[in-house]
All heavy atoms as atom14 arrays in JSON, in Angstrom:
{
  "sequence": "DYVKESRLPYQVHDRHGLTHQELLQLMGKSAVYLGNSLSDGMPNTLLE",
  "atom14_mask": [
    [1, 1, 1, 1, 1, 1, 1, 1, 0, 0, 0, 0, 0, 0],
    [1, 1, 1, 1, 1, 1, 1, 1, 1, 1, 1, 1, 0, 0],
    [1, 1, 1, 1, 1, 1, 1, 0, 0, 0, 0, 0, 0, 0],
    [1, 1, 1, 1, 1, 1, 1, 1, 1, 0, 0, 0, 0, 0],
    [1, 1, 1, 1, 1, 1, 1, 1, 1, 0, 0, 0, 0, 0],
    [1, 1, 1, 1, 1, 1, 0, 0, 0, 0, 0, 0, 0, 0],
    [1, 1, 1, 1, 1, 1, 1, 1, 1, 1, 1, 0, 0, 0],
    [1, 1, 1, 1, 1, 1, 1, 1, 0, 0, 0, 0, 0, 0],
    [1, 1, 1, 1, 1, 1, 1, 0, 0, 0, 0, 0, 0, 0],
    [1, 1, 1, 1, 1, 1, 1, 1, 1, 1, 1, 1, 0, 0],
    [1, 1, 1, 1, 1, 1, 1, 1, 1, 0, 0, 0, 0, 0],
    [1, 1, 1, 1, 1, 1, 1, 0, 0, 0, 0, 0, 0, 0],
    [1, 1, 1, 1, 1, 1, 1, 1, 1, 1, 0, 0, 0, 0],
    [1, 1, 1, 1, 1, 1, 1, 1, 0, 0, 0, 0, 0, 0],
    [1, 1, 1, 1, 1, 1, 1, 1, 1, 1, 1, 0, 0, 0],
    [1, 1, 1, 1, 1, 1, 1, 1, 1, 1, 0, 0, 0, 0],
    [1, 1, 1, 1, 0, 0, 0, 0, 0, 0, 0, 0, 0, 0],
    [1, 1, 1, 1, 1, 1, 1, 1, 0, 0, 0, 0, 0, 0],
    [1, 1, 1, 1, 1, 1, 1, 0, 0, 0, 0, 0, 0, 0],
    [1, 1, 1, 1, 1, 1, 1, 1, 1, 1, 0, 0, 0, 0],
    [1, 1, 1, 1, 1, 1, 1, 1, 1, 0, 0, 0, 0, 0],
    [1, 1, 1, 1, 1, 1, 1, 1, 1, 0, 0, 0, 0, 0],
    [1, 1, 1, 1, 1, 1, 1, 1, 0, 0, 0, 0, 0, 0],
    [1, 1, 1, 1, 1, 1, 1, 1, 0, 0, 0, 0, 0, 0],
    [1, 1, 1, 1, 1, 1, 1, 1, 1, 0, 0, 0, 0, 0],
    [1, 1, 1, 1, 1, 1, 1, 1, 0, 0, 0, 0, 0, 0],
    [1, 1, 1, 1, 1, 1, 1, 1, 0, 0, 0, 0, 0, 0],
    [1, 1, 1, 1, 0, 0, 0, 0, 0, 0, 0, 0, 0, 0],
    [1, 1, 1, 1, 1, 1, 1, 1, 1, 0, 0, 0, 0, 0],
    [1, 1, 1, 1, 1, 1, 0, 0, 0, 0, 0, 0, 0, 0],
    [1, 1, 1, 1, 1, 0, 0, 0, 0, 0, 0, 0, 0, 0],
    [1, 1, 1, 1, 1, 1, 1, 0, 0, 0, 0, 0, 0, 0],
    [1, 1, 1, 1, 1, 1, 1, 1, 1, 1, 1, 1, 0, 0],
    [1, 1, 1, 1, 1, 1, 1, 1, 0, 0, 0, 0, 0, 0],
    [1, 1, 1, 1, 0, 0, 0, 0, 0, 0, 0, 0, 0, 0],
    [1, 1, 1, 1, 1, 1, 1, 1, 0, 0, 0, 0, 0, 0],
    [1, 1, 1, 1, 1, 1, 0, 0, 0, 0, 0, 0, 0, 0],
    [1, 1, 1, 1, 1, 1, 1, 1, 0, 0, 0, 0, 0, 0],
    [1, 1, 1, 1, 1, 1, 0, 0, 0, 0, 0, 0, 0, 0],
    [1, 1, 1, 1, 1, 1, 1, 1, 0, 0, 0, 0, 0, 0],
    [1, 1, 1, 1, 0, 0, 0, 0, 0, 0, 0, 0, 0, 0],
    [1, 1, 1, 1, 1, 1, 1, 1, 0, 0, 0, 0, 0, 0],
    [1, 1, 1, 1, 1, 1, 1, 0, 0, 0, 0, 0, 0, 0],
    [1, 1, 1, 1, 1, 1, 1, 1, 0, 0, 0, 0, 0, 0],
    [1, 1, 1, 1, 1, 1, 1, 0, 0, 0, 0, 0, 0, 0],
    [1, 1, 1, 1, 1, 1, 1, 1, 0, 0, 0, 0, 0, 0],
    [1, 1, 1, 1, 1, 1, 1, 1, 0, 0, 0, 0, 0, 0],
    [1, 1, 1, 1, 1, 1, 1, 1, 1, 0, 0, 0, 0, 0]
  ],
  "atom14_positions": [
    [[-8.71, -3.82, 18.81], [-9.82, -3.37, 19.66], [-9.75, -1.87, 19.91], [-10.78, -1.17, 19.89], [-9.8, -4.13, 20.99], [-10.15, -5.6, 20.83], [-10.7, -5.98, 19.78], [-9.85, -6.38, 21.76], [0.0, 0.0, 0.0], [0.0, 0.0, 0.0], [0.0, 0.0, 0.0], [0.0, 0.0, 0.0], [0.0, 0.0, 0.0], [0.0, 0.0, 0.0]],
    [[-8.54, -1.36, 20.16], [-8.39, 0.07, 20.45], [-8.79, 0.92, 19.25], [-9.47, 1.94, 19.41], [-6.95, 0.39, 20.87], [-6.78, 1.84, 21.29], [-7.05, 2.23, 22.59], [-6.37, 2.8, 20.37], [-6.93, 3.56, 22.98], [-6.25, 4.14, 20.74], [-6.52, 4.52, 22.05], [-6.4, 5.83, 22.43], [0.0, 0.0, 0.0], [0.0, 0.0, 0.0]],
    [[-8.38, 0.52, 18.07], [-8.72, 1.27, 16.86], [-10.24, 1.31, 16.68], [-10.82, 2.36, 16.35], [-8.03, 0.66, 15.62], [-8.57, 1.27, 14.32], [-6.53, 0.85, 15.7], [0.0, 0.0, 0.0], [0.0, 0.0, 0.0], [0.0, 0.0, 0.0], [0.0, 0.0, 0.0], [0.0, 0.0, 0.0], [0.0, 0.0, 0.0], [0.0, 0.0, 0.0]],
    [[-10.89, 0.15, 16.9], [-12.35, 0.09, 16.76], [-13.04, 0.94, 17.81], [-13.96, 1.73, 17.5], [-12.82, -1.36, 16.87], [-12.48, -2.22, 15.67], [-13.01, -3.64, 15.85], [-12.69, -4.52, 14.64], [-13.18, -5.91, 14.84], [0.0, 0.0, 0.0], [0.0, 0.0, 0.0], [0.0, 0.0, 0.0], [0.0, 0.0, 0.0], [0.0, 0.0, 0.0]],
    [[-12.63, 0.8, 19.06], [-13.28, 1.53, 20.16], [-13.1, 3.03, 20.03], [-13.98, 3.82, 20.39], [-12.72, 1.04, 21.5], [-13.12, -0.39, 21.84], [-12.27, -0.98, 22.96], [-11.42, -0.24, 23.51], [-12.45, -2.18, 23.27], [0.0, 0.0, 0.0], [0.0, 0.0, 0.0], [0.0, 0.0, 0.0], [0.0, 0.0, 0.0], [0.0, 0.0, 0.0]],
    [[-11.95, 3.44, 19.5], [-11.65, 4.87, 19.35], [-12.15, 5.42, 18.03], [-12.01, 6.62, 17.76], [-10.14, 5.1, 19.47], [-9.64, 4.62, 20.69], [0.0, 0.0, 0.0], [0.0, 0.0, 0.0], [0.0, 0.0, 0.0], [0.0, 0.0, 0.0], [0.0, 0.0, 0.0], [0.0, 0.0, 0.0], [0.0, 0.0, 0.0], [0.0, 0.0, 0.0]],
    [[-12.71, 4.54, 17.19], [-13.25, 4.92, 15.88], [-12.21, 5.66, 15.03], [-12.51, 6.69, 14.41], [-14.51, 5.77, 16.05], [-15.64, 5.01, 16.75], [-16.89, 5.84, 16.84], [-17.98, 5.09, 17.5], [-19.19, 5.57, 17.73], [-19.49, 6.82, 17.36], [-20.1, 4.82, 18.32], [0.0, 0.0, 0.0], [0.0, 0.0, 0.0], [0.0, 0.0, 0.0]],
    [[-11.01, 5.13, 15.04], [-9.94, 5.74, 14.26], [-10.04, 5.28, 12.81], [-10.3, 4.1, 12.54], [-8.59, 5.34, 14.85], [-8.3, 5.88, 16.26], [-7.04, 5.25, 16.83], [-8.19, 7.39, 16.24], [0.0, 0.0, 0.0], [0.0, 0.0, 0.0], [0.0, 0.0, 0.0], [0.0, 0.0, 0.0], [0.0, 0.0, 0.0], [0.0, 0.0, 0.0]],
    [[-9.82, 6.18, 11.86], [-9.98, 5.84, 10.44], [-8.75, 5.14, 9.87], [-8.21, 5.55, 8.85], [-10.19, 7.22, 9.8], [-9.36, 8.14, 10.63], [-9.48, 7.61, 12.05], [0.0, 0.0, 0.0], [0.0, 0.0, 0.0], [0.0, 0.0, 0.0], [0.0, 0.0, 0.0], [0.0, 0.0, 0.0], [0.0, 0.0, 0.0], [0.0, 0.0, 0.0]],
    [[-8.33, 4.09, 10.55], [-7.12, 3.38, 10.14], [-7.49, 2.05, 9.5], [-8.43, 1.37, 9.93], [-6.2, 3.12, 11.33], [-5.76, 4.35, 12.08], [-5.23, 4.24, 13.37], [-5.87, 5.63, 11.53], [-4.82, 5.35, 14.08], [-5.46, 6.76, 12.23], [-4.94, 6.61, 13.52], [-4.53, 7.72, 14.21], [0.0, 0.0, 0.0], [0.0, 0.0, 0.0]],
    [[-6.71, 1.66, 8.51], [-6.85, 0.34, 7.92], [-6.0, -0.62, 8.75], [-4.82, -0.37, 8.96], [-6.35, 0.38, 6.47], [-6.54, -0.9, 5.69], [-5.97, -0.81, 4.29], [-5.33, -1.74, 3.81], [-6.16, 0.33, 3.61], [0.0, 0.0, 0.0], [0.0, 0.0, 0.0], [0.0, 0.0, 0.0], [0.0, 0.0, 0.0], [0.0, 0.0, 0.0]],
    [[-6.63, -1.7, 9.23], [-5.93, -2.61, 10.15], [-5.94, -4.03, 9.6], [-6.98, -4.54, 9.19], [-6.59, -2.6, 11.55], [-5.81, -3.49, 12.51], [-6.69, -1.17, 12.09], [0.0, 0.0, 0.0], [0.0, 0.0, 0.0], [0.0, 0.0, 0.0], [0.0, 0.0, 0.0], [0.0, 0.0, 0.0], [0.0, 0.0, 0.0], [0.0, 0.0, 0.0]],
    [[-4.76, -4.65, 9.62], [-4.61, -6.05, 9.22], [-4.05, -6.83, 10.41], [-3.07, -6.4, 11.03], [-3.64, -6.19, 8.04], [-4.05, -5.38, 6.84], [-4.93, -5.86, 5.89], [-3.69, -4.14, 6.43], [-5.1, -4.94, 4.95], [-4.37, -3.9, 5.25], [0.0, 0.0, 0.0], [0.0, 0.0, 0.0], [0.0, 0.0, 0.0], [0.0, 0.0, 0.0]],
    [[-4.69, -7.94, 10.73], [-4.17, -8.75, 11.83], [-2.89, -9.47, 11.42], [-2.38, -9.27, 10.31], [-5.23, -9.72, 12.35], [-5.61, -10.8, 11.33], [-4.81, -11.11, 10.42], [-6.73, -11.34, 11.45], [0.0, 0.0, 0.0], [0.0, 0.0, 0.0], [0.0, 0.0, 0.0], [0.0, 0.0, 0.0], [0.0, 0.0, 0.0], [0.0, 0.0, 0.0]],
    [[-2.38, -10.3, 12.27], [-1.06, -10.89, 12.07], [-1.02, -11.83, 10.86], [0.06, -12.16, 10.38], [-0.61, -11.63, 13.33], [-0.37, -10.67, 14.5], [0.2, -11.39, 15.69], [1.5, -11.95, 15.36], [1.96, -13.1, 15.84], [1.19, -13.82, 16.64], [3.16, -13.53, 15.52], [0.0, 0.0, 0.0], [0.0, 0.0, 0.0], [0.0, 0.0, 0.0]],
    [[-2.17, -12.27, 10.39], [-2.21, -13.15, 9.22], [-2.97, -12.51, 8.05], [-3.35, -13.19, 7.12], [-2.86, -14.49, 9.61], [-2.24, -15.13, 10.81], [-0.98, -15.69, 10.8], [-2.71, -15.27, 12.09], [-0.69, -16.15, 12.01], [-1.72, -15.91, 12.81], [0.0, 0.0, 0.0], [0.0, 0.0, 0.0], [0.0, 0.0, 0.0], [0.0, 0.0, 0.0]],
    [[-3.15, -11.19, 8.13], [-3.99, -10.51, 7.16], [-3.34, -10.17, 5.84], [-4.03, -9.84, 4.87], [0.0, 0.0, 0.0], [0.0, 0.0, 0.0], [0.0, 0.0, 0.0], [0.0, 0.0, 0.0], [0.0, 0.0, 0.0], [0.0, 0.0, 0.0], [0.0, 0.0, 0.0], [0.0, 0.0, 0.0], [0.0, 0.0, 0.0], [0.0, 0.0, 0.0]],
    [[-2.02, -10.2, 5.78], [-1.3, -9.85, 4.56], [-0.28, -10.92, 4.22], [0.37, -11.48, 5.11], [-0.56, -8.51, 4.73], [-1.4, -7.24, 4.95], [-0.47, -6.09, 5.29], [-2.21, -6.91, 3.7], [0.0, 0.0, 0.0], [0.0, 0.0, 0.0], [0.0, 0.0, 0.0], [0.0, 0.0, 0.0], [0.0, 0.0, 0.0], [0.0, 0.0, 0.0]],
    [[-0.12, -11.19, 2.93], [0.99, -12.03, 2.51], [2.26, -11.19, 2.56], [2.22, -9.96, 2.66], [0.79, -12.55, 1.07], [0.84, -11.42, 0.17], [-0.53, -13.27, 0.94], [0.0, 0.0, 0.0], [0.0, 0.0, 0.0], [0.0, 0.0, 0.0], [0.0, 0.0, 0.0], [0.0, 0.0, 0.0], [0.0, 0.0, 0.0], [0.0, 0.0, 0.0]],
    [[3.4, -11.86, 2.48], [4.67, -11.13, 2.5], [4.76, -10.18, 1.32], [5.21, -9.03, 1.46], [5.84, -12.12, 2.48], [7.17, -11.47, 2.66], [8.2, -11.63, 1.77], [7.63, -10.64, 3.62], [9.24, -10.94, 2.17], [8.93, -10.32, 3.3], [0.0, 0.0, 0.0], [0.0, 0.0, 0.0], [0.0, 0.0, 0.0], [0.0, 0.0, 0.0]],
    [[4.32, -10.6, 0.16], [4.37, -9.73, -1.02], [3.45, -8.53, -0.86], [3.81, -7.41, -1.25], [4.0, -10.5, -2.28], [4.07, -9.64, -3.55], [4.01, -10.45, -4.82], [4.74, -11.42, -4.98], [3.13, -10.06, -5.75], [0.0, 0.0, 0.0], [0.0, 0.0, 0.0], [0.0, 0.0, 0.0], [0.0, 0.0, 0.0], [0.0, 0.0, 0.0]],
    [[2.28, -8.74, -0.28], [1.37, -7.63, -0.06], [1.97, -6.61, 0.91], [1.8, -5.39, 0.73], [0.03, -8.14, 0.47], [-0.8, -8.87, -0.58], [-2.0, -9.58, 0.01], [-1.99, -9.9, 1.23], [-2.96, -9.82, -0.73], [0.0, 0.0, 0.0], [0.0, 0.0, 0.0], [0.0, 0.0, 0.0], [0.0, 0.0, 0.0], [0.0, 0.0, 0.0]],
    [[2.69, -7.11, 1.92], [3.34, -6.21, 2.86], [4.44, -5.4, 2.18], [4.55, -4.19, 2.38], [3.91, -7.0, 4.04], [4.7, -6.19, 5.07], [3.84, -5.07, 5.65], [5.23, -7.1, 6.19], [0.0, 0.0, 0.0], [0.0, 0.0, 0.0], [0.0, 0.0, 0.0], [0.0, 0.0, 0.0], [0.0, 0.0, 0.0], [0.0, 0.0, 0.0]],
    [[5.23, -6.06, 1.34], [6.27, -5.35, 0.61], [5.67, -4.28, -0.3], [6.22, -3.17, -0.42], [7.11, -6.33, -0.21], [8.03, -7.28, 0.56], [8.7, -8.26, -0.39], [9.07, -6.51, 1.35], [0.0, 0.0, 0.0], [0.0, 0.0, 0.0], [0.0, 0.0, 0.0], [0.0, 0.0, 0.0], [0.0, 0.0, 0.0], [0.0, 0.0, 0.0]],
    [[4.56, -4.6, -0.94], [3.9, -3.61, -1.79], [3.45, -2.4, -0.98], [3.56, -1.26, -1.44], [2.72, -4.26, -2.52], [3.13, -5.26, -3.59], [1.95, -5.99, -4.19], [0.96, -6.23, -3.52], [2.06, -6.37, -5.45], [0.0, 0.0, 0.0], [0.0, 0.0, 0.0], [0.0, 0.0, 0.0], [0.0, 0.0, 0.0], [0.0, 0.0, 0.0]],
    [[2.94, -2.64, 0.22], [2.54, -1.54, 1.09], [3.75, -0.7, 1.48], [3.69, 0.55, 1.48], [1.87, -2.08, 2.35], [0.35, -2.14, 2.39], [-0.11, -2.77, 3.69], [-0.24, -0.74, 2.23], [0.0, 0.0, 0.0], [0.0, 0.0, 0.0], [0.0, 0.0, 0.0], [0.0, 0.0, 0.0], [0.0, 0.0, 0.0], [0.0, 0.0, 0.0]],
    [[4.84, -1.35, 1.83], [6.06, -0.64, 2.2], [6.54, 0.24, 1.04], [7.02, 1.36, 1.26], [7.17, -1.63, 2.59], [6.95, -2.31, 3.91], [8.25, -3.53, 4.28], [7.88, -3.93, 5.99], [0.0, 0.0, 0.0], [0.0, 0.0, 0.0], [0.0, 0.0, 0.0], [0.0, 0.0, 0.0], [0.0, 0.0, 0.0], [0.0, 0.0, 0.0]],
    [[6.4, -0.27, -0.17], [6.84, 0.46, -1.35], [5.99, 1.68, -1.65], [6.39, 2.55, -2.44], [0.0, 0.0, 0.0], [0.0, 0.0, 0.0], [0.0, 0.0, 0.0], [0.0, 0.0, 0.0], [0.0, 0.0, 0.0], [0.0, 0.0, 0.0], [0.0, 0.0, 0.0], [0.0, 0.0, 0.0], [0.0, 0.0, 0.0], [0.0, 0.0, 0.0]],
    [[4.82, 1.78, -1.0], [3.93, 2.93, -1.18], [3.9, 3.82, 0.06], [3.19, 4.82, 0.09], [2.51, 2.46, -1.49], [2.36, 1.72, -2.81], [0.91, 1.43, -3.14], [0.32, 0.39, -2.21], [-1.06, 0.0, -2.62], [0.0, 0.0, 0.0], [0.0, 0.0, 0.0], [0.0, 0.0, 0.0], [0.0, 0.0, 0.0], [0.0, 0.0, 0.0]],
    [[4.67, 3.44, 1.09], [4.6, 4.15, 2.37], [5.65, 5.25, 2.47], [6.81, 5.04, 2.11], [4.78, 3.16, 3.53], [3.72, 2.22, 3.55], [0.0, 0.0, 0.0], [0.0, 0.0, 0.0], [0.0, 0.0, 0.0], [0.0, 0.0, 0.0], [0.0, 0.0, 0.0], [0.0, 0.0, 0.0], [0.0, 0.0, 0.0], [0.0, 0.0, 0.0]],
    [[5.22, 6.39, 2.98], [6.16, 7.49, 3.23], [6.95, 7.21, 4.5], [8.16, 7.47, 4.56], [5.41, 8.81, 3.37], [0.0, 0.0, 0.0], [0.0, 0.0, 0.0], [0.0, 0.0, 0.0], [0.0, 0.0, 0.0], [0.0, 0.0, 0.0], [0.0, 0.0, 0.0], [0.0, 0.0, 0.0], [0.0, 0.0, 0.0], [0.0, 0.0, 0.0]],
    [[6.27, 6.65, 5.51], [6.87, 6.45, 6.83], [6.56, 5.04, 7.32], [5.45, 4.53, 7.12], [6.33, 7.48, 7.85], [6.95, 7.26, 9.23], [6.58, 8.9, 7.37], [0.0, 0.0, 0.0], [0.0, 0.0, 0.0], [0.0, 0.0, 0.0], [0.0, 0.0, 0.0], [0.0, 0.0, 0.0], [0.0, 0.0, 0.0], [0.0, 0.0, 0.0]],
    [[7.56, 4.42, 7.95], [7.37, 3.12, 8.61], [7.62, 3.3, 10.1], [8.63, 3.9, 10.5], [8.32, 2.08, 8.04], [8.41, 0.83, 8.89], [7.43, -0.16, 8.8], [9.43, 0.66, 9.82], [7.48, -1.28, 9.61], [9.5, -0.46, 10.62], [8.52, -1.44, 10.52], [8.57, -2.55, 11.32], [0.0, 0.0, 0.0], [0.0, 0.0, 0.0]],
    [[6.73, 2.77, 10.93], [6.87, 2.87, 12.39], [6.98, 1.49, 13.02], [6.12, 0.63, 12.8], [5.64, 3.58, 12.98], [5.31, 4.99, 12.48], [3.99, 5.46, 13.09], [6.41, 5.96, 12.81], [0.0, 0.0, 0.0], [0.0, 0.0, 0.0], [0.0, 0.0, 0.0], [0.0, 0.0, 0.0], [0.0, 0.0, 0.0], [0.0, 0.0, 0.0]],
    [[8.03, 1.3, 13.82], [8.2, 0.07, 14.59], [8.65, 0.42, 16.0], [9.5, 1.31, 16.18], [0.0, 0.0, 0.0], [0.0, 0.0, 0.0], [0.0, 0.0, 0.0], [0.0, 0.0, 0.0], [0.0, 0.0, 0.0], [0.0, 0.0, 0.0], [0.0, 0.0, 0.0], [0.0, 0.0, 0.0], [0.0, 0.0, 0.0], [0.0, 0.0, 0.0]],
    [[8.11, -0.27, 17.0], [8.38, 0.14, 18.38], [8.36, -1.06, 19.31], [7.37, -1.81, 19.37], [7.31, 1.15, 18.83], [7.66, 1.83, 20.13], [8.83, 2.07, 20.44], [6.65, 2.17, 20.9], [0.0, 0.0, 0.0], [0.0, 0.0, 0.0], [0.0, 0.0, 0.0], [0.0, 0.0, 0.0], [0.0, 0.0, 0.0], [0.0, 0.0, 0.0]],
    [[9.46, -1.27, 20.04], [9.52, -2.37, 20.99], [10.5, -2.05, 22.11], [11.35, -1.15, 21.97], [9.94, -3.67, 20.3], [11.29, -3.6, 19.87], [0.0, 0.0, 0.0], [0.0, 0.0, 0.0], [0.0, 0.0, 0.0], [0.0, 0.0, 0.0], [0.0, 0.0, 0.0], [0.0, 0.0, 0.0], [0.0, 0.0, 0.0], [0.0, 0.0, 0.0]],
    [[10.39, -2.8, 23.2], [11.29, -2.61, 24.34], [12.54, -3.46, 24.23], [13.54, -3.18, 24.88], [10.56, -2.99, 25.64], [9.27, -2.23, 25.96], [8.69, -2.74, 27.27], [9.51, -0.74, 26.02], [0.0, 0.0, 0.0], [0.0, 0.0, 0.0], [0.0, 0.0, 0.0], [0.0, 0.0, 0.0], [0.0, 0.0, 0.0], [0.0, 0.0, 0.0]],
    [[12.49, -4.49, 23.4], [13.63, -5.4, 23.25], [13.59, -6.01, 21.87], [12.55, -6.47, 21.42], [13.57, -6.5, 24.32], [14.61, -7.43, 24.14], [0.0, 0.0, 0.0], [0.0, 0.0, 0.0], [0.0, 0.0, 0.0], [0.0, 0.0, 0.0], [0.0, 0.0, 0.0], [0.0, 0.0, 0.0], [0.0, 0.0, 0.0], [0.0, 0.0, 0.0]],
    [[14.74, -5.99, 21.19], [14.77, -6.55, 19.84], [16.21, -6.66, 19.38], [17.12, -6.04, 19.94], [14.0, -5.66, 18.87], [13.39, -6.42, 17.7], [13.82, -7.57, 17.46], [12.48, -5.88, 17.06], [0.0, 0.0, 0.0], [0.0, 0.0, 0.0], [0.0, 0.0, 0.0], [0.0, 0.0, 0.0], [0.0, 0.0, 0.0], [0.0, 0.0, 0.0]],
    [[16.39, -7.46, 18.33], [17.66, -7.47, 17.63], [17.54, -6.5, 16.46], [17.0, -5.4, 16.61], [0.0, 0.0, 0.0], [0.0, 0.0, 0.0], [0.0, 0.0, 0.0], [0.0, 0.0, 0.0], [0.0, 0.0, 0.0], [0.0, 0.0, 0.0], [0.0, 0.0, 0.0], [0.0, 0.0, 0.0], [0.0, 0.0, 0.0], [0.0, 0.0, 0.0]],
    [[17.98, -6.91, 15.28], [17.8, -6.1, 14.08], [16.55, -6.6, 13.38], [16.56, -7.67, 12.76], [19.01, -6.23, 13.17], [18.97, -5.31, 11.96], [19.06, -3.56, 12.39], [20.82, -3.37, 12.71], [0.0, 0.0, 0.0], [0.0, 0.0, 0.0], [0.0, 0.0, 0.0], [0.0, 0.0, 0.0], [0.0, 0.0, 0.0], [0.0, 0.0, 0.0]],
    [[15.44, -5.87, 13.45], [14.17, -6.38, 12.91], [14.2, -6.5, 11.38], [14.56, -5.55, 10.68], [13.16, -5.31, 13.33], [13.84, -4.5, 14.38], [15.29, -4.56, 14.08], [0.0, 0.0, 0.0], [0.0, 0.0, 0.0], [0.0, 0.0, 0.0], [0.0, 0.0, 0.0], [0.0, 0.0, 0.0], [0.0, 0.0, 0.0], [0.0, 0.0, 0.0]],
    [[13.82, -7.66, 10.87], [13.78, -7.84, 9.41], [12.78, -6.9, 8.76], [13.0, -6.43, 7.64], [13.45, -9.29, 9.06], [14.7, -10.15, 8.93], [15.82, -9.65, 8.9], [14.5, -11.45, 8.85], [0.0, 0.0, 0.0], [0.0, 0.0, 0.0], [0.0, 0.0, 0.0], [0.0, 0.0, 0.0], [0.0, 0.0, 0.0], [0.0, 0.0, 0.0]],
    [[11.65, -6.63, 9.44], [10.67, -5.73, 8.86], [11.24, -4.32, 8.7], [10.91, -3.61, 7.75], [9.38, -5.68, 9.7], [9.72, -5.55, 11.08], [8.56, -6.93, 9.49], [0.0, 0.0, 0.0], [0.0, 0.0, 0.0], [0.0, 0.0, 0.0], [0.0, 0.0, 0.0], [0.0, 0.0, 0.0], [0.0, 0.0, 0.0], [0.0, 0.0, 0.0]],
    [[12.08, -3.9, 9.64], [12.75, -2.61, 9.5], [13.64, -2.6, 8.27], [13.62, -1.64, 7.48], [13.57, -2.3, 10.75], [14.55, -1.13, 10.63], [13.82, 0.18, 10.43], [15.47, -1.07, 11.85], [0.0, 0.0, 0.0], [0.0, 0.0, 0.0], [0.0, 0.0, 0.0], [0.0, 0.0, 0.0], [0.0, 0.0, 0.0], [0.0, 0.0, 0.0]],
    [[14.44, -3.65, 8.1], [15.35, -3.72, 6.96], [14.57, -3.75, 5.65], [14.98, -3.15, 4.65], [16.25, -4.94, 7.08], [17.15, -5.01, 8.32], [18.03, -6.25, 8.27], [17.99, -3.75, 8.47], [0.0, 0.0, 0.0], [0.0, 0.0, 0.0], [0.0, 0.0, 0.0], [0.0, 0.0, 0.0], [0.0, 0.0, 0.0], [0.0, 0.0, 0.0]],
    [[13.44, -4.44, 5.65], [12.61, -4.47, 4.45], [12.02, -3.1, 4.15], [12.0, -2.65, 2.99], [11.49, -5.51, 4.62], [11.99, -6.94, 4.55], [10.92, -7.96, 4.9], [10.0, -7.62, 5.67], [11.0, -9.09, 4.41], [0.0, 0.0, 0.0], [0.0, 0.0, 0.0], [0.0, 0.0, 0.0], [0.0, 0.0, 0.0], [0.0, 0.0, 0.0]]
  ]
}
């Protein structure tokens, strides 16, 4: 909702919008990965 309301030119996928392989492919093309939380263990997405 925030991205839409702010008219930000970002590509957004909801929690079921990508398969695991599609996410890995995106990671393989990404310069930077951002993850942010107040509490966590060792996030698998970070390791990927």
